[in-house]
Protein backbone atom coordinates (compact mmCIF):
# COMPACT_ATOMS: atom_id res chain seq x y z
CA MET A 1 0.00 0.00 0.00
CA SER A 2 1.44 3.39 -0.99
CA ALA A 3 1.77 6.31 1.42
CA LEU A 4 -1.12 8.03 -0.33
CA ASP A 5 -3.33 4.94 0.01
CA ARG A 6 -2.47 4.69 3.73
CA PHE A 7 -3.32 8.36 4.21
CA ILE A 8 -6.65 8.02 2.40
CA SER A 9 -7.51 4.94 4.48
CA TRP A 10 -6.58 6.80 7.66
CA VAL A 11 -8.79 9.79 6.78
CA ARG A 12 -11.70 7.57 5.77
CA ALA A 13 -11.45 5.62 9.02
CA GLY A 14 -11.43 8.81 11.08
CA TYR A 15 -14.05 10.61 9.00
CA PRO A 16 -16.38 7.97 7.52
CA ASN A 17 -18.96 10.67 6.64
CA GLY A 18 -16.40 13.10 5.17
CA VAL A 19 -14.21 15.77 6.75
CA PRO A 20 -16.26 18.61 8.30
CA ASP A 21 -15.21 22.14 7.31
CA GLN A 22 -13.91 23.00 10.79
CA ASP A 23 -11.51 20.02 10.72
CA TYR A 24 -9.68 20.79 7.46
CA VAL A 25 -7.09 23.13 8.98
CA PRO A 26 -6.23 20.87 11.96
CA LEU A 27 -6.06 17.86 9.63
CA MET A 28 -3.65 19.66 7.30
CA ALA A 29 -1.51 20.68 10.28
CA LEU A 30 -1.05 16.99 11.08
CA LEU A 31 0.34 16.38 7.59
CA ARG A 32 3.55 18.26 8.25
CA ARG A 33 6.31 17.23 5.87
CA ARG A 34 8.94 14.98 7.47
CA LEU A 35 12.38 14.00 6.25
CA THR A 36 12.78 10.43 5.08
CA ASP A 37 15.79 8.44 6.26
CA GLU A 38 17.28 8.90 2.78
CA GLU A 39 16.83 12.69 2.99
CA VAL A 40 18.52 12.69 6.41
CA GLU A 41 21.47 10.82 4.91
CA ASP A 42 21.59 13.18 1.91
CA LEU A 43 21.59 16.21 4.21
CA GLY A 44 24.48 14.75 6.21
CA HIS A 45 26.46 14.17 3.02
CA GLU A 46 25.70 17.70 1.82
CA LEU A 47 26.93 19.27 5.06
CA VAL A 48 30.15 17.25 4.84
CA ARG A 49 30.59 18.01 1.13
CA ASN A 50 30.13 21.75 1.74
CA GLY A 51 32.62 21.75 4.61
CA VAL A 52 29.96 22.65 7.19
CA ILE A 53 31.56 20.42 9.81
CA PRO A 54 31.38 20.68 12.71
CA ALA A 55 27.71 21.35 12.04
CA ASP A 56 25.64 23.27 14.51
CA ARG A 57 21.93 23.66 15.15
CA ILE A 58 21.59 26.44 12.56
CA ASP A 59 23.39 24.47 9.82
CA VAL A 60 21.22 21.39 10.36
CA GLY A 61 18.01 23.40 10.69
CA ALA A 62 18.73 25.38 7.53
CA GLY A 63 19.37 22.17 5.61
CA ILE A 64 16.07 20.71 6.77
CA MET A 65 14.15 23.90 5.94
CA LYS A 66 15.69 23.90 2.46
CA ARG A 67 14.18 20.46 1.84
CA THR A 68 10.79 20.82 3.52
CA ASP A 69 10.01 24.56 3.50
CA GLN A 70 9.10 24.12 7.17
CA VAL A 71 10.76 24.67 10.52
CA PRO A 72 12.39 21.37 11.54
CA SER A 73 11.01 19.40 14.44
CA PRO A 74 13.27 18.58 17.39
CA ASP A 75 13.10 14.93 16.28
CA GLU A 76 14.41 15.79 12.82
CA MET A 77 17.25 17.83 14.31
CA VAL A 78 18.25 14.87 16.49
CA ARG A 79 18.03 12.39 13.59
CA VAL A 80 20.36 14.44 11.39
CA GLY A 81 22.78 15.00 14.28
CA GLN A 82 22.84 11.27 15.04
CA ARG A 83 23.43 10.47 11.38
CA LEU A 84 26.43 12.82 11.24
CA ARG A 85 27.84 11.52 14.53
CA SER A 86 27.48 7.91 13.38
CA GLY A 87 29.64 8.81 10.39
CA GLY A 88 32.30 10.16 12.74
CA TRP A 89 31.60 13.85 12.06
CA PRO A 90 31.64 16.32 14.94
CA VAL A 91 28.30 17.96 15.62
CA ASP A 92 27.50 20.56 18.24
CA PRO A 93 24.73 19.48 20.63
CA LEU A 94 21.39 19.87 18.90
């Protein structure tokens, strides 16, 4: 089942009679764009390639915003920091 199919199934289960007007905005807020594991890895490689090591909170956050057009979540910041550290790259505490 594709991500879109899972989403449609989820919405239909939660709103079997359709989404009421007042729930559209909160529902869309839940659909915040997240980085995939592959995007996290790509961001780590980009920071290394561009010489942005040691990376800090601003470097990682800017890289995430560039990909998602949204402010990164604390979880995303931690995931990218962990990815860089696991590759042996120094990262300031995020």
